[in-house]
PDB file of N, CA and C in Angstrom:
ATOM      1  N   MET A   1      79.077  55.497  21.735  1.00  0.00           N
ATOM      2  CA  MET A   1      78.489  56.166  23.037  1.00  0.00           C
ATOM      3  C   MET A   1      77.805  57.442  22.872  1.00  0.00           C
ATOM      4  N   LYS A   2      78.496  58.403  21.891  1.00  0.00           N
ATOM      5  CA  LYS A   2      78.030  59.718  21.633  1.00  0.00           C
ATOM      6  C   LYS A   2      76.670  59.504  20.736  1.00  0.00           C
ATOM      7  N   LYS A   3      76.620  58.469  19.895  1.00  0.00           N
ATOM      8  CA  LYS A   3      75.362  57.967  19.103  1.00  0.00           C
ATOM      9  C   LYS A   3      74.485  57.652  19.986  1.00  0.00           C
ATOM     10  N   LEU A   4      74.659  57.035  20.882  1.00  0.00           N
ATOM     11  CA  LEU A   4      73.502  56.486  21.749  1.00  0.00           C
ATOM     12  C   LEU A   4      72.965  57.627  22.415  1.00  0.00           C
ATOM     13  N   LEU A   5      73.850  58.790  22.823  1.00  0.00           N
ATOM     14  CA  LEU A   5      73.043  59.824  23.470  1.00  0.00           C
ATOM     15  C   LEU A   5      72.440  60.667  22.597  1.00  0.00           C
ATOM     16  N   GLY A   6      72.643  60.681  21.489  1.00  0.00           N
ATOM     17  CA  GLY A   6      71.919  61.500  20.209  1.00  0.00           C
ATOM     18  C   GLY A   6      70.627  60.758  20.312  1.00  0.00           C
ATOM     19  N   ILE A   7      70.666  59.429  20.113  1.00  0.00           N
ATOM     20  CA  ILE A   7      69.267  58.754  19.884  1.00  0.00           C
ATOM     21  C   ILE A   7      68.506  59.117  21.297  1.00  0.00           C
ATOM     22  N   VAL A   8      69.005  58.880  22.425  1.00  0.00           N
ATOM     23  CA  VAL A   8      68.123  59.026  23.472  1.00  0.00           C
ATOM     24  C   VAL A   8      67.598  60.442  23.311  1.00  0.00           C
ATOM     25  N   VAL A   9      68.388  61.733  23.159  1.00  0.00           N
ATOM     26  CA  VAL A   9      67.979  63.153  22.985  1.00  0.00           C
ATOM     27  C   VAL A   9      66.708  62.893  21.911  1.00  0.00           C
ATOM     28  N   LEU A  10      67.073  62.545  20.897  1.00  0.00           N
ATOM     29  CA  LEU A  10      66.000  62.545  19.768  1.00  0.00           C
ATOM     30  C   LEU A  10      64.750  61.798  20.312  1.00  0.00           C
ATOM     31  N   GLY A  11      64.773  60.809  20.787  1.00  0.00           N
ATOM     32  CA  GLY A  11      63.870  60.009  21.237  1.00  0.00           C
ATOM     33  C   GLY A  11      62.857  60.932  22.615  1.00  0.00           C
ATOM     34  N   LEU A  12      63.509  61.546  23.206  1.00  0.00           N
ATOM     35  CA  LEU A  12      63.089  62.498  24.142  1.00  0.00           C
ATOM     36  C   LEU A  12      62.280  63.633  23.523  1.00  0.00           C
ATOM     37  N   PHE A  13      62.818  63.985  22.441  1.00  0.00           N
ATOM     38  CA  PHE A  13      62.180  65.180  21.443  1.00  0.00           C
ATOM     39  C   PHE A  13      60.790  64.519  21.161  1.00  0.00           C
ATOM     40  N   LEU A  14      60.833  63.373  20.396  1.00  0.00           N
ATOM     41  CA  LEU A  14      59.575  62.711  20.018  1.00  0.00           C
ATOM     42  C   LEU A  14      58.608  62.618  20.896  1.00  0.00           C
ATOM     43  N   ILE A  15      58.889  62.059  22.213  1.00  0.00           N
ATOM     44  CA  ILE A  15      58.253  62.009  23.401  1.00  0.00           C
ATOM     45  C   ILE A  15      57.582  63.435  23.720  1.00  0.00           C
ATOM     46  N   THR A  16      58.471  64.256  23.912  1.00  0.00           N
ATOM     47  CA  THR A  16      57.778  65.818  24.287  1.00  0.00           C
ATOM     48  C   THR A  16      58.235  66.772  23.226  1.00  0.00           C
ATOM     49  N   PRO A  17      57.141  66.841  21.995  1.00  0.00           N
ATOM     50  CA  PRO A  17      57.221  67.834  20.955  1.00  0.00           C
ATOM     51  C   PRO A  17      57.580  69.430  21.582  1.00  0.00           C
ATOM     52  N   SER A  18      56.651  69.434  22.423  1.00  0.00           N
ATOM     53  CA  SER A  18      56.670  70.805  23.416  1.00  0.00           C
ATOM     54  C   SER A  18      58.128  71.280  23.567  1.00  0.00           C
ATOM     55  N   GLN A  19      58.747  70.471  24.148  1.00  0.00           N
ATOM     56  CA  GLN A  19      60.194  70.705  24.476  1.00  0.00           C
ATOM     57  C   GLN A  19      60.826  70.904  23.066  1.00  0.00           C
ATOM     58  N   ALA A  20      61.036  70.166  22.365  1.00  0.00           N
ATOM     59  CA  ALA A  20      61.595  70.148  21.101  1.00  0.00           C
ATOM     60  C   ALA A  20      61.363  71.500  20.353  1.00  0.00           C
ATOM     61  N   ASP A  21      60.261  71.969  20.359  1.00  0.00           N
ATOM     62  CA  ASP A  21      59.769  73.048  19.726  1.00  0.00           C
ATOM     63  C   ASP A  21      60.595  74.301  20.510  1.00  0.00           C
ATOM     64  N   ASP A  22      60.527  74.192  21.797  1.00  0.00           N
ATOM     65  CA  ASP A  22      61.299  75.167  22.402  1.00  0.00           C
ATOM     66  C   ASP A  22      62.712  75.305  22.080  1.00  0.00           C
ATOM     67  N   ILE A  23      63.492  74.195  21.939  1.00  0.00           N
ATOM     68  CA  ILE A  23      64.852  73.947  21.751  1.00  0.00           C
ATOM     69  C   ILE A  23      65.188  74.508  20.397  1.00  0.00           C
ATOM     70  N   ARG A  24      64.230  74.226  19.477  1.00  0.00           N
ATOM     71  CA  ARG A  24      64.403  74.668  18.167  1.00  0.00           C
ATOM     72  C   ARG A  24      64.391  75.939  17.854  1.00  0.00           C
ATOM     73  N   ASP A  25      63.115  76.608  18.637  1.00  0.00           N
ATOM     74  CA  ASP A  25      63.255  78.178  18.774  1.00  0.00           C
ATOM     75  C   ASP A  25      64.445  78.924  19.407  1.00  0.00           C
TER      76      ASP A  25
END
């Protein structure tokens, strides 16, 4: 189940690169 959550989160990052940059920073 945790793996599924990780995949969903990564997918959201790919869909919203701007948010991913914010989180990385």
